[in-house]
Structure formats: C-alpha cells, structure tokens
Protein backbone atom coordinates (compact mmCIF):
# COMPACT_ATOMS: atom_id res chain seq x y z
CA MET A 1 -40.18 -33.98 31.97
CA THR A 2 -42.87 -31.33 32.36
CA VAL A 3 -44.33 -29.35 29.47
CA ALA A 4 -42.69 -26.23 30.90
CA GLN A 5 -39.31 -27.95 30.82
CA LEU A 6 -39.90 -29.12 27.26
CA TYR A 7 -40.88 -25.59 26.37
CA ASP A 8 -37.49 -24.35 27.56
CA ILE A 9 -35.91 -26.75 25.04
CA TYR A 10 -38.32 -25.55 22.36
CA LEU A 11 -37.29 -21.94 22.98
CA GLN A 12 -33.70 -22.94 22.18
CA TYR A 13 -34.75 -25.02 19.15
CA PRO A 14 -38.06 -23.50 17.96
CA SER A 15 -38.64 -25.80 15.02
CA VAL A 16 -40.78 -28.94 15.33
CA GLN A 17 -41.00 -31.82 12.87
CA THR A 18 -42.98 -35.05 12.74
CA ASP A 19 -41.50 -36.44 9.51
CA THR A 20 -37.83 -37.47 9.36
CA ARG A 21 -37.86 -36.90 5.60
CA LYS A 22 -38.34 -33.18 6.25
CA LEU A 23 -36.14 -33.01 9.33
CA LYS A 24 -33.46 -30.31 9.51
CA ALA A 25 -30.54 -30.09 11.90
CA GLY A 26 -31.70 -28.46 15.13
CA ASP A 27 -35.35 -29.55 14.85
CA ILE A 28 -37.23 -31.24 17.67
CA PHE A 29 -38.65 -34.51 16.35
CA PHE A 30 -41.96 -35.76 17.71
CA ALA A 31 -42.26 -39.51 17.06
CA LEU A 32 -45.96 -39.79 16.27
CA LYS A 33 -47.74 -43.07 15.62
CA GLY A 34 -50.16 -43.82 12.81
CA PRO A 35 -52.18 -46.76 11.52
CA SER A 36 -49.26 -48.02 9.46
CA PHE A 37 -46.16 -46.53 11.10
CA ASN A 38 -44.52 -45.99 14.47
CA GLY A 39 -42.50 -42.80 14.71
CA ASN A 40 -40.62 -44.21 17.70
CA SER A 41 -38.76 -46.51 15.34
CA PHE A 42 -37.29 -43.45 13.60
CA ALA A 43 -35.72 -42.04 16.79
CA GLN A 44 -32.21 -43.15 15.89
CA LYS A 45 -32.54 -41.85 12.33
CA ALA A 46 -33.78 -38.51 13.64
CA MET A 47 -30.75 -38.17 15.92
CA GLU A 48 -28.42 -39.05 13.07
CA SER A 49 -30.11 -36.39 10.94
CA GLY A 50 -29.24 -33.74 13.50
CA ALA A 51 -32.40 -33.49 15.61
CA ALA A 52 -31.82 -31.40 18.73
CA SER A 53 -34.20 -33.65 20.69
CA VAL A 54 -36.45 -36.59 19.96
CA VAL A 55 -39.74 -37.01 21.84
CA ILE A 56 -40.82 -40.67 22.12
CA ASP A 57 -43.37 -42.68 24.11
CA GLU A 58 -41.91 -46.20 23.93
CA LYS A 59 -39.01 -46.95 26.27
CA GLU A 60 -37.42 -49.55 23.99
CA PHE A 61 -36.45 -46.77 21.56
CA GLU A 62 -34.85 -44.61 24.24
CA ILE A 63 -31.40 -43.19 23.52
CA PRO A 64 -29.91 -42.14 26.90
CA GLY A 65 -29.29 -38.43 27.09
CA LYS A 66 -30.83 -37.75 23.68
CA THR A 67 -34.48 -38.80 23.71
CA ILE A 68 -37.32 -37.44 25.83
CA LEU A 69 -39.69 -40.16 27.03
CA VAL A 70 -43.31 -39.09 27.56
CA ASP A 71 -46.59 -40.91 28.13
CA ASP A 72 -48.02 -39.99 24.73
CA VAL A 73 -46.23 -38.07 21.97
CA LEU A 74 -49.36 -36.60 20.35
CA THR A 75 -50.75 -35.35 23.65
CA THR A 76 -47.38 -33.82 24.50
CA LEU A 77 -47.24 -32.06 21.12
CA GLN A 78 -50.69 -30.59 21.72
CA GLN A 79 -49.81 -29.55 25.28
CA LEU A 80 -46.62 -27.86 24.09
CA ALA A 81 -48.58 -25.97 21.43
CA ASN A 82 -51.11 -24.82 24.02
CA HIS A 83 -48.31 -23.70 26.35
CA HIS A 84 -46.76 -21.70 23.50
CA ARG A 85 -50.14 -20.24 22.59
CA ARG A 86 -50.54 -18.90 26.10
CA GLN A 87 -47.33 -16.89 25.72
CA ILE A 88 -48.64 -15.09 22.62
CA ASN A 89 -51.05 -12.27 23.44
CA VAL A 90 -52.42 -11.49 19.97
CA PRO A 91 -55.74 -12.17 18.23
CA PHE A 92 -56.21 -15.78 17.14
CA LEU A 93 -58.81 -16.16 14.38
CA ALA A 94 -60.12 -19.71 13.94
CA ILE A 95 -61.86 -20.70 10.70
CA THR A 96 -63.97 -23.81 10.19
CA GLY A 97 -66.88 -24.84 7.98
CA SER A 98 -68.00 -27.43 5.46
CA ASN A 99 -66.91 -25.54 2.34
CA GLY A 100 -64.55 -22.70 1.55
CA LYS A 101 -62.53 -22.59 4.75
CA THR A 102 -59.12 -22.93 3.06
CA THR A 103 -59.91 -20.31 0.41
CA THR A 104 -61.31 -18.00 3.09
CA LYS A 105 -58.21 -18.56 5.21
CA GLU A 106 -55.91 -17.79 2.28
CA LEU A 107 -57.82 -14.63 1.35
CA ILE A 108 -57.83 -13.39 4.94
CA HIS A 109 -54.12 -14.13 5.27
CA ALA A 110 -53.44 -12.19 2.05
CA VAL A 111 -55.40 -9.20 3.37
CA LEU A 112 -53.99 -9.14 6.91
CA SER A 113 -50.41 -9.69 5.74
CA THR A 114 -50.44 -6.33 3.98
CA THR A 115 -50.51 -4.58 7.34
CA LEU A 116 -49.87 -7.05 10.18
CA LYS A 117 -47.26 -9.72 10.91
CA THR A 118 -49.57 -12.64 10.22
CA TYR A 119 -49.09 -16.35 10.77
CA THR A 120 -51.47 -18.90 9.32
CA THR A 121 -52.10 -22.56 8.64
CA GLU A 122 -49.96 -23.86 5.79
CA GLY A 123 -51.98 -25.64 3.13
CA ASN A 124 -54.73 -27.55 4.89
CA LEU A 125 -52.81 -28.71 7.99
CA ASN A 126 -56.02 -28.31 9.95
CA ASN A 127 -56.32 -31.50 12.02
CA HIS A 128 -55.18 -32.77 15.45
CA ILE A 129 -51.57 -32.67 14.27
CA GLY A 130 -51.72 -29.70 11.92
CA VAL A 131 -53.28 -27.29 14.44
CA PRO A 132 -50.53 -27.70 17.07
CA LEU A 133 -47.80 -27.63 14.40
CA THR A 134 -49.23 -24.38 13.07
CA ILE A 135 -49.22 -22.82 16.53
CA LEU A 136 -45.64 -23.91 17.19
CA LYS A 137 -44.50 -22.07 14.04
CA ILE A 138 -45.79 -18.76 15.36
CA LYS A 139 -43.01 -16.43 16.48
CA LYS A 140 -43.15 -13.92 19.31
CA GLU A 141 -43.24 -11.00 16.87
CA ALA A 142 -46.64 -12.15 15.55
CA GLU A 143 -49.42 -9.57 15.48
CA ILE A 144 -52.22 -11.97 14.51
CA ALA A 145 -52.70 -15.68 13.77
CA VAL A 146 -55.23 -17.36 11.45
CA ILE A 147 -55.87 -21.02 12.26
CA GLU A 148 -57.87 -23.33 10.01
CA MET A 149 -59.75 -26.14 11.75
CA GLY A 150 -61.14 -29.14 9.91
CA ALA A 151 -63.40 -31.73 11.49
CA ASN A 152 -65.27 -34.90 10.57
CA HIS A 153 -66.82 -35.77 13.95
CA LEU A 154 -68.25 -34.18 17.07
CA LYS A 155 -65.97 -32.76 19.78
CA GLU A 156 -63.12 -32.27 17.29
CA ILE A 157 -63.44 -28.48 16.95
CA GLU A 158 -63.93 -28.30 20.72
CA SER A 159 -60.58 -30.02 21.23
CA TYR A 160 -58.82 -27.64 18.84
CA GLY A 161 -60.36 -24.69 20.64
CA LYS A 162 -58.75 -25.88 23.88
CA ILE A 163 -55.36 -25.96 22.16
CA ALA A 164 -55.54 -22.77 20.07
CA LEU A 165 -57.73 -20.64 22.38
CA PRO A 166 -59.20 -18.55 19.54
CA THR A 167 -60.33 -15.02 20.32
CA HIS A 168 -62.16 -14.62 17.01
CA GLY A 169 -63.92 -17.11 14.76
CA ILE A 170 -65.60 -17.78 11.43
CA ILE A 171 -67.83 -20.67 10.42
CA THR A 172 -68.00 -20.37 6.64
CA ASN A 173 -71.08 -22.59 6.37
CA CYS A 174 -72.54 -25.93 7.46
CA GLY A 175 -73.27 -28.27 4.58
CA LYS A 176 -73.56 -31.96 3.80
CA ALA A 177 -69.95 -32.93 4.49
CA HIS A 178 -68.51 -35.80 6.54
CA LEU A 179 -71.99 -37.18 7.19
CA GLU A 180 -70.38 -40.51 8.02
CA GLY A 181 -68.85 -38.92 11.11
CA PHE A 182 -71.40 -36.24 11.97
CA GLY A 183 -74.45 -38.38 11.20
CA SER A 184 -76.66 -35.61 9.80
CA ILE A 185 -76.75 -31.94 8.84
CA GLU A 186 -77.79 -31.24 12.44
CA GLY A 187 -74.65 -33.07 13.56
CA VAL A 188 -72.56 -30.94 11.21
CA ARG A 189 -74.00 -27.78 12.72
CA LYS A 190 -73.41 -29.01 16.24
CA GLY A 191 -69.83 -30.00 15.41
CA LYS A 192 -68.90 -26.79 13.62
CA GLY A 193 -70.84 -24.85 16.24
CA GLU A 194 -68.31 -25.93 18.85
CA LEU A 195 -66.27 -22.94 17.66
CA TYR A 196 -69.15 -20.61 18.49
CA ASP A 197 -69.52 -22.37 21.86
CA HIS A 198 -65.90 -21.55 22.64
CA LEU A 199 -66.38 -17.89 21.67
CA LYS A 200 -69.51 -17.62 23.82
CA THR A 201 -67.74 -18.83 26.95
CA ASN A 202 -64.50 -16.93 26.32
CA ASN A 203 -65.77 -13.44 25.49
CA GLY A 204 -64.97 -13.88 21.80
CA THR A 205 -65.85 -12.22 18.52
CA ALA A 206 -67.48 -13.93 15.53
CA PHE A 207 -67.63 -12.86 11.89
CA VAL A 208 -70.95 -14.26 10.69
CA MET A 209 -72.36 -14.73 7.18
CA TRP A 210 -75.69 -13.06 7.94
CA ASP A 211 -77.48 -14.51 4.90
CA TYR A 212 -77.48 -17.93 6.57
CA ASP A 213 -80.35 -18.10 9.06
CA TYR A 214 -78.81 -21.10 10.81
CA LEU A 215 -75.57 -19.17 11.52
CA ARG A 216 -77.63 -16.28 12.91
CA GLU A 217 -79.30 -18.71 15.29
CA MET A 218 -76.13 -20.60 16.18
CA SER A 219 -74.20 -17.39 16.92
CA LYS A 220 -76.67 -16.06 19.48
CA GLY A 221 -74.88 -15.42 22.76
CA ILE A 222 -71.49 -14.53 21.29
CA PRO A 223 -70.47 -11.20 22.89
CA VAL A 224 -69.42 -9.48 19.65
CA ILE A 225 -70.85 -10.35 16.21
CA ILE A 226 -69.62 -8.70 13.02
CA LYS A 227 -71.99 -9.39 10.12
CA TYR A 228 -71.23 -9.83 6.43
CA GLY A 229 -73.56 -10.78 3.60
CA THR A 230 -75.82 -9.41 0.89
CA LEU A 231 -78.37 -7.75 3.22
CA ASP A 232 -78.69 -6.38 6.77
CA ALA A 233 -74.95 -6.71 7.44
CA ASP A 234 -72.03 -4.52 8.48
CA ILE A 235 -70.24 -5.34 5.22
CA GLU A 236 -72.50 -5.96 2.21
CA GLY A 237 -71.67 -7.03 -1.30
CA LEU A 238 -73.17 -8.66 -4.39
CA VAL A 239 -71.92 -10.52 -7.43
CA ASP A 240 -71.07 -7.92 -10.06
CA GLN A 241 -69.68 -10.18 -12.78
CA ARG A 242 -69.42 -13.97 -13.13
CA GLU A 243 -67.32 -14.64 -16.21
CA PRO A 244 -64.59 -15.51 -16.61
CA TYR A 245 -63.74 -14.50 -13.04
CA LEU A 246 -65.88 -13.38 -10.14
CA SER A 247 -66.17 -9.65 -9.45
CA VAL A 248 -67.85 -8.37 -6.31
CA LYS A 249 -69.49 -4.98 -5.80
CA LEU A 250 -69.31 -3.75 -2.21
CA ASN A 251 -72.14 -1.42 -1.26
CA LYS A 252 -72.00 -1.06 2.52
CA GLY A 253 -69.04 -0.76 4.87
CA PHE A 254 -66.68 -0.77 1.90
CA SER A 255 -66.87 0.92 -1.48
CA GLY A 256 -66.00 -0.21 -4.97
CA ILE A 257 -65.66 -3.34 -7.07
CA ILE A 258 -63.17 -6.12 -6.36
CA LYS A 259 -62.14 -8.09 -9.45
CA THR A 260 -60.88 -11.47 -8.28
CA GLN A 261 -59.05 -14.33 -9.96
CA LEU A 262 -61.51 -16.83 -8.51
CA VAL A 263 -64.30 -18.63 -10.37
CA GLY A 264 -67.77 -19.30 -9.03
CA ASP A 265 -70.50 -17.34 -7.25
CA TYR A 266 -69.93 -19.62 -4.27
CA ASN A 267 -66.77 -17.60 -3.52
CA LEU A 268 -68.80 -14.48 -2.73
CA PRO A 269 -69.04 -15.27 1.03
CA ASN A 270 -65.30 -16.04 1.14
CA ILE A 271 -64.46 -12.66 -0.37
CA LEU A 272 -66.89 -10.82 1.91
CA ALA A 273 -65.35 -12.56 4.93
CA ALA A 274 -61.87 -11.39 3.92
CA VAL A 275 -63.10 -7.82 3.42
CA THR A 276 -64.88 -7.87 6.78
CA VAL A 277 -61.91 -9.22 8.72
CA GLY A 278 -59.60 -6.75 7.01
CA LYS A 279 -61.82 -3.80 7.89
CA TYR A 280 -62.19 -5.00 11.48
CA PHE A 281 -58.42 -5.14 11.92
CA ASN A 282 -57.95 -1.72 10.32
CA VAL A 283 -56.39 -2.76 7.04
CA PRO A 284 -56.75 0.14 4.58
CA GLU A 285 -59.40 -0.43 1.91
CA GLU A 286 -56.97 -0.10 -0.98
CA LYS A 287 -54.79 -2.83 0.54
CA ILE A 288 -57.80 -5.11 1.08
CA LYS A 289 -58.84 -4.65 -2.53
CA SER A 290 -55.34 -5.18 -3.89
CA ALA A 291 -54.69 -8.28 -1.77
CA ILE A 292 -57.89 -10.01 -2.88
CA GLU A 293 -57.45 -9.05 -6.52
CA ASN A 294 -53.87 -10.35 -6.56
CA TYR A 295 -54.71 -13.65 -4.85
CA ILE A 296 -54.24 -16.50 -7.30
CA PRO A 297 -55.89 -19.79 -6.28
CA SER A 298 -53.86 -22.96 -6.44
CA ASN A 299 -53.95 -26.61 -5.38
CA CYS A 300 -57.10 -27.45 -7.39
CA ARG A 301 -59.29 -24.83 -5.69
CA SER A 302 -61.44 -22.52 -7.84
CA GLN A 303 -58.77 -22.38 -10.55
CA LEU A 304 -59.44 -21.32 -14.13
CA ILE A 305 -57.03 -22.97 -16.54
CA GLU A 306 -56.90 -22.14 -20.22
CA LYS A 307 -55.82 -24.96 -22.54
CA GLY A 308 -55.98 -24.06 -26.19
CA THR A 309 -59.46 -22.74 -26.85
CA ASN A 310 -60.89 -24.45 -23.75
CA ARG A 311 -61.40 -23.11 -20.25
CA ILE A 312 -61.14 -25.61 -17.41
CA ILE A 313 -62.59 -24.88 -13.99
CA LEU A 314 -60.48 -27.03 -11.67
CA ASP A 315 -62.12 -27.29 -8.26
CA ALA A 316 -61.10 -30.83 -7.41
CA TYR A 317 -59.40 -30.52 -4.06
CA ASN A 318 -62.51 -31.81 -2.35
CA ALA A 319 -66.24 -32.30 -2.77
CA ASN A 320 -69.38 -32.93 -0.76
CA PRO A 321 -73.07 -32.71 -1.73
CA SER A 322 -73.29 -29.02 -0.85
CA SER A 323 -70.17 -27.88 -2.72
CA MET A 324 -70.91 -30.17 -5.68
CA LYS A 325 -74.43 -28.74 -6.02
CA LEU A 326 -73.16 -25.15 -5.94
CA ALA A 327 -70.41 -25.87 -8.44
CA ILE A 328 -72.81 -27.47 -10.92
CA GLU A 329 -75.36 -24.66 -10.54
CA ASN A 330 -72.68 -22.05 -11.12
CA PHE A 331 -71.33 -23.96 -14.11
CA ALA A 332 -74.79 -24.34 -15.64
CA SER A 333 -75.26 -20.55 -15.52
CA LEU A 334 -72.19 -19.83 -17.69
CA HIS A 335 -72.91 -18.38 -21.11
CA THR A 336 -71.53 -21.03 -23.44
CA ASP A 337 -73.12 -23.78 -25.49
CA SER A 338 -70.35 -26.32 -24.90
CA LYS A 339 -70.09 -27.43 -21.27
CA VAL A 340 -68.44 -30.64 -20.10
CA LEU A 341 -68.74 -32.14 -16.60
CA LEU A 342 -65.98 -34.36 -15.19
CA LEU A 343 -67.19 -35.30 -11.71
CA GLY A 344 -65.62 -37.67 -9.20
CA SER A 345 -67.52 -39.33 -6.38
CA MET A 346 -67.94 -37.83 -2.90
CA ALA A 347 -66.41 -39.52 0.12
CA GLU A 348 -67.35 -39.91 3.82
CA LEU A 349 -71.12 -39.78 3.34
CA GLY A 350 -71.93 -43.00 5.20
CA ASP A 351 -75.45 -44.36 4.82
CA GLU A 352 -76.46 -41.25 2.82
CA SER A 353 -73.89 -41.83 0.08
CA VAL A 354 -76.03 -43.51 -2.61
CA GLN A 355 -78.89 -41.09 -2.01
CA GLU A 356 -76.61 -38.04 -2.24
CA HIS A 357 -74.95 -39.28 -5.43
CA GLN A 358 -78.39 -39.89 -6.94
CA ALA A 359 -79.34 -36.32 -6.05
CA ILE A 360 -76.33 -35.07 -8.02
CA VAL A 361 -77.34 -37.20 -11.02
CA ASP A 362 -80.87 -35.80 -10.80
CA GLN A 363 -79.50 -32.28 -10.70
CA ILE A 364 -77.31 -32.87 -13.75
CA LYS A 365 -80.35 -34.04 -15.72
CA LYS A 366 -81.97 -30.61 -15.33
CA ASP A 367 -79.52 -28.96 -17.73
CA SER A 368 -78.05 -29.56 -21.15
CA TRP A 369 -74.39 -30.62 -21.39
CA LYS A 370 -72.06 -31.47 -24.22
CA GLU A 371 -70.68 -34.41 -22.22
CA VAL A 372 -70.96 -35.73 -18.65
CA VAL A 373 -68.42 -38.07 -17.06
CA LEU A 374 -69.05 -39.60 -13.61
CA VAL A 375 -66.15 -41.33 -11.89
CA GLY A 376 -65.87 -43.87 -9.09
CA GLY A 377 -67.57 -44.48 -5.76
CA ASP A 378 -71.34 -44.61 -5.63
CA PHE A 379 -71.66 -43.09 -9.08
CA LEU A 380 -70.83 -46.63 -10.20
CA ASN A 381 -73.84 -48.00 -8.31
CA LEU A 382 -76.40 -45.83 -10.08
CA LYS A 383 -78.15 -46.06 -13.40
CA HIS A 384 -77.62 -42.96 -15.49
CA PRO A 385 -77.15 -42.05 -19.18
CA TYR A 386 -73.65 -40.61 -18.76
CA HIS A 387 -70.09 -41.83 -19.27
CA SER A 388 -68.94 -43.89 -16.28
CA PHE A 389 -65.40 -44.78 -15.23
CA GLU A 390 -63.89 -46.43 -12.17
CA ASN A 391 -61.09 -43.90 -11.63
CA SER A 392 -59.58 -40.66 -12.88
CA MET A 393 -56.99 -42.44 -15.05
CA GLN A 394 -59.74 -44.11 -17.06
CA ALA A 395 -61.42 -40.72 -17.35
CA LYS A 396 -58.11 -39.26 -18.54
CA GLU A 397 -57.86 -41.91 -21.26
CA TRP A 398 -61.34 -40.94 -22.46
CA PHE A 399 -60.66 -37.21 -22.17
CA SER A 400 -57.42 -37.40 -24.14
CA LYS A 401 -59.31 -38.83 -27.12
CA GLN A 402 -61.83 -36.02 -27.22
CA LYS A 403 -61.12 -32.98 -29.34
CA PHE A 404 -63.00 -30.32 -27.44
CA GLU A 405 -62.82 -26.79 -28.80
CA ASN A 406 -64.19 -23.57 -27.31
CA SER A 407 -65.59 -25.51 -24.36
CA TYR A 408 -65.89 -24.96 -20.62
CA ILE A 409 -64.95 -28.01 -18.55
CA LEU A 410 -65.74 -28.43 -14.83
CA VAL A 411 -63.53 -30.86 -12.91
CA LYS A 412 -64.63 -31.67 -9.36
CA GLY A 413 -64.53 -34.57 -6.90
CA SER A 414 -63.35 -35.67 -3.48
CA ARG A 415 -59.60 -35.65 -2.83
CA SER A 416 -59.44 -39.43 -2.94
CA MET A 417 -60.57 -39.36 -6.59
CA GLN A 418 -57.67 -37.11 -7.73
CA MET A 419 -59.79 -35.77 -10.56
CA GLU A 420 -57.11 -33.30 -11.63
CA LYS A 421 -55.31 -36.26 -13.21
CA ALA A 422 -58.12 -36.58 -15.75
CA ILE A 423 -57.00 -33.39 -17.49
CA GLU A 424 -53.22 -33.75 -17.17
CA ASP A 425 -51.22 -33.78 -20.40
C-alpha cells in the first residue's frame, strides 16, 4: 500500500494512535516497536478495541482484510505525517533549543490562539514519534501550527524538518544539554542549528534572540530575520519586576508592562519570543498581553507554589548545566534570608558529567543558604558540605521533618530524578 492510499484511509479515520490503552473506536493504530515492547503483538487487541485499521510490519501478526503490512511502521507514520503536512498551506513554526522551548511554545500558542485557529504540540511530544503525531492531529481548518522539536544528537532536527517542513523557526538558546549525544557545546549549536539550515534553504523566517551573539552568527543567511531581545531588536523588553512573579516592560515594538505568572528572569526571552511572534502574525497587542498574563505554568515548569508561609519554586521538569546555573542565580537574587535548595542531578552529560556537577557545587558555595540538598547521580560522587541523598524519596523523608517557615525553596533536577516528589504531602 502506498502512502497516498494510506492517506485516503486516514482522511476517513483522521485519528492516529500508537498506544492501545488510549485507543478509541475508529482510530488508526500504528504498531510501533520499542526496546521493551513490540506493537505488532497488540494488533489483535487493537482490532478488538475498534481500530479502523492497524498498521504492522511483521507478517506473522497479519489479520487478513484488517491489517496493513508495511516495511517499517515508524517510517510509514512519518511519511504519512509529511504527506498530510503537504496538504496544509499555512505557516508552520518550529521551536527548538536547549532550555525554554516548551514554555515558549505554550506562550506562543496562548497568544496565537486568541486570533488564529492554532494547532500545537501537546505536552512535550517533540521527538521522532511526537512530531508526526502532532502533525496528524492538525485539521484542514488550521491557520497556523506550532511544532516543538527536541533533540539529543546530530541530524535529529534535520530529520524533523523534512517531516514538518517549517516555514518559520525559533531556537530559544544553545546550552549545555545532552552533551552525551552532541559531544560539546559546538555540537549542540550544530544540532539545533539544523533548524536554521532548513530555513536558509527553504526561504524561511527566523525569530532570533538578538542578545545571543552565537544565534546572530548562526542565523546569517536566513532570508527573513525578526529580532527580539533587550537591545538592537525589533521587539525589545527588560525585566521590570522579579518577585514574586516576573514582569516585563516592553519598550520597542510593543508598549506597556506584562505581568506574568512565571518565576525567574530566565523566562524573559520566552516572553519576548511570544510577543514577537504575536506581533508578526498580527495579533492585537491587548490580546498578546492578556494571553501571556493569563498563562499559568504547569507540569513542574517555572511554577510558584505557596504552602503555608513558604513559597516553592518548582522547576523540576528537566535540568542541564545551563538551566541549573540560571535557576540558582535567579534564586540567589531573591530578597529573603531563608532560601533552601533541593537539587537533583543532571542527566545525559556523558564524560562531562562529574565536571558539570562540580561546577554547580562550586556555584552554590558562592552564596548563603539556609539548607542545600543534592540528590542522586554524580552529586553522589563529589565531596561537598551539603545534605546528600540517593533519590527524591529520601529527600522527601528529610524535607518532611523540617519545619521551614517564611522560606523560599527551589526544586530542580532532571526528569529522571522526579524531584517534585520531594515536596509532595
């Protein structure tokens, strides 16, 4: 069966699923394989659950007249998504970067949705499966799509570009993330820069954080560049207030102060990006302002939680050396005498891991803290004067015995550490 023929089936049943637990009657089930599972073995269950079609790549699981046998299910899913993408003639904005891409995506979606029929990546479904699934959820009435793209090795963003064919793009930043896969900060820039490469060769438009010299250099050659930042940009803004939430004063290309429900100076570029994209796509200023001010972060990203007399900054969805450094610096600047750090280790740093964890310890030593707790990973392999635990549950046991009052508490760590559990009731 050709992709065009499969697309005809998709048009009749435009809902795709890769998990039988979430399958609804009338869905097309793609039987993907993973390290510990084989989706082909769920073909019969999918049919019994009401799947309209089941796409498999192993003949032994074939159900005559009901399954569609292909060479490779994942490749077919990606080809179908690309075929669908080519039928949708609207702007496709791709977002990648080491830090802030999900928050930026959510803010941009909030802004655009006030005026345009906008489709976007759900959660952080930003990988080789999530990107095609996102595209296949886009309906013909769409006016714009916002696609988040994550990557931990070279050529990954390039491959997503071939599927999603973005017309516009944002690289939030290039920091010390996924060094195990990229090898170095130069590798990170090359990998993330694959989005810019796509825009250069496809007459695209980039929204560029102009404060970052490396993004200025990387973006050279892109036909249209829209700049945002604190200086020399089309949209300019500065931090107006830091506590308890971030407020941003816009002073070029947009007027007024935006009072957000986000914590941390490091969200300034994310807010400026949302303002810039909104202005570019003709969203009225009052709607841009309202959308950003009403955006409430969730899922352990830049959240401020009040428990009793304490304020907890929960930013534990992920962490790398760059985001950890910014979070600690921001936290250190807060005007309170009682500050507690609950930090989980950082993953996927390869040979640089011990060195990068030591750098975080050295940074912590520069400031005064009420308590510091370091959890798991290579924090366990370092000598330091702070509390040390193997996992977040041990940290929770310690935390539950403390009687903090009128304190600020920063909780951050890589997703694998699940640091949010340390503060659960």
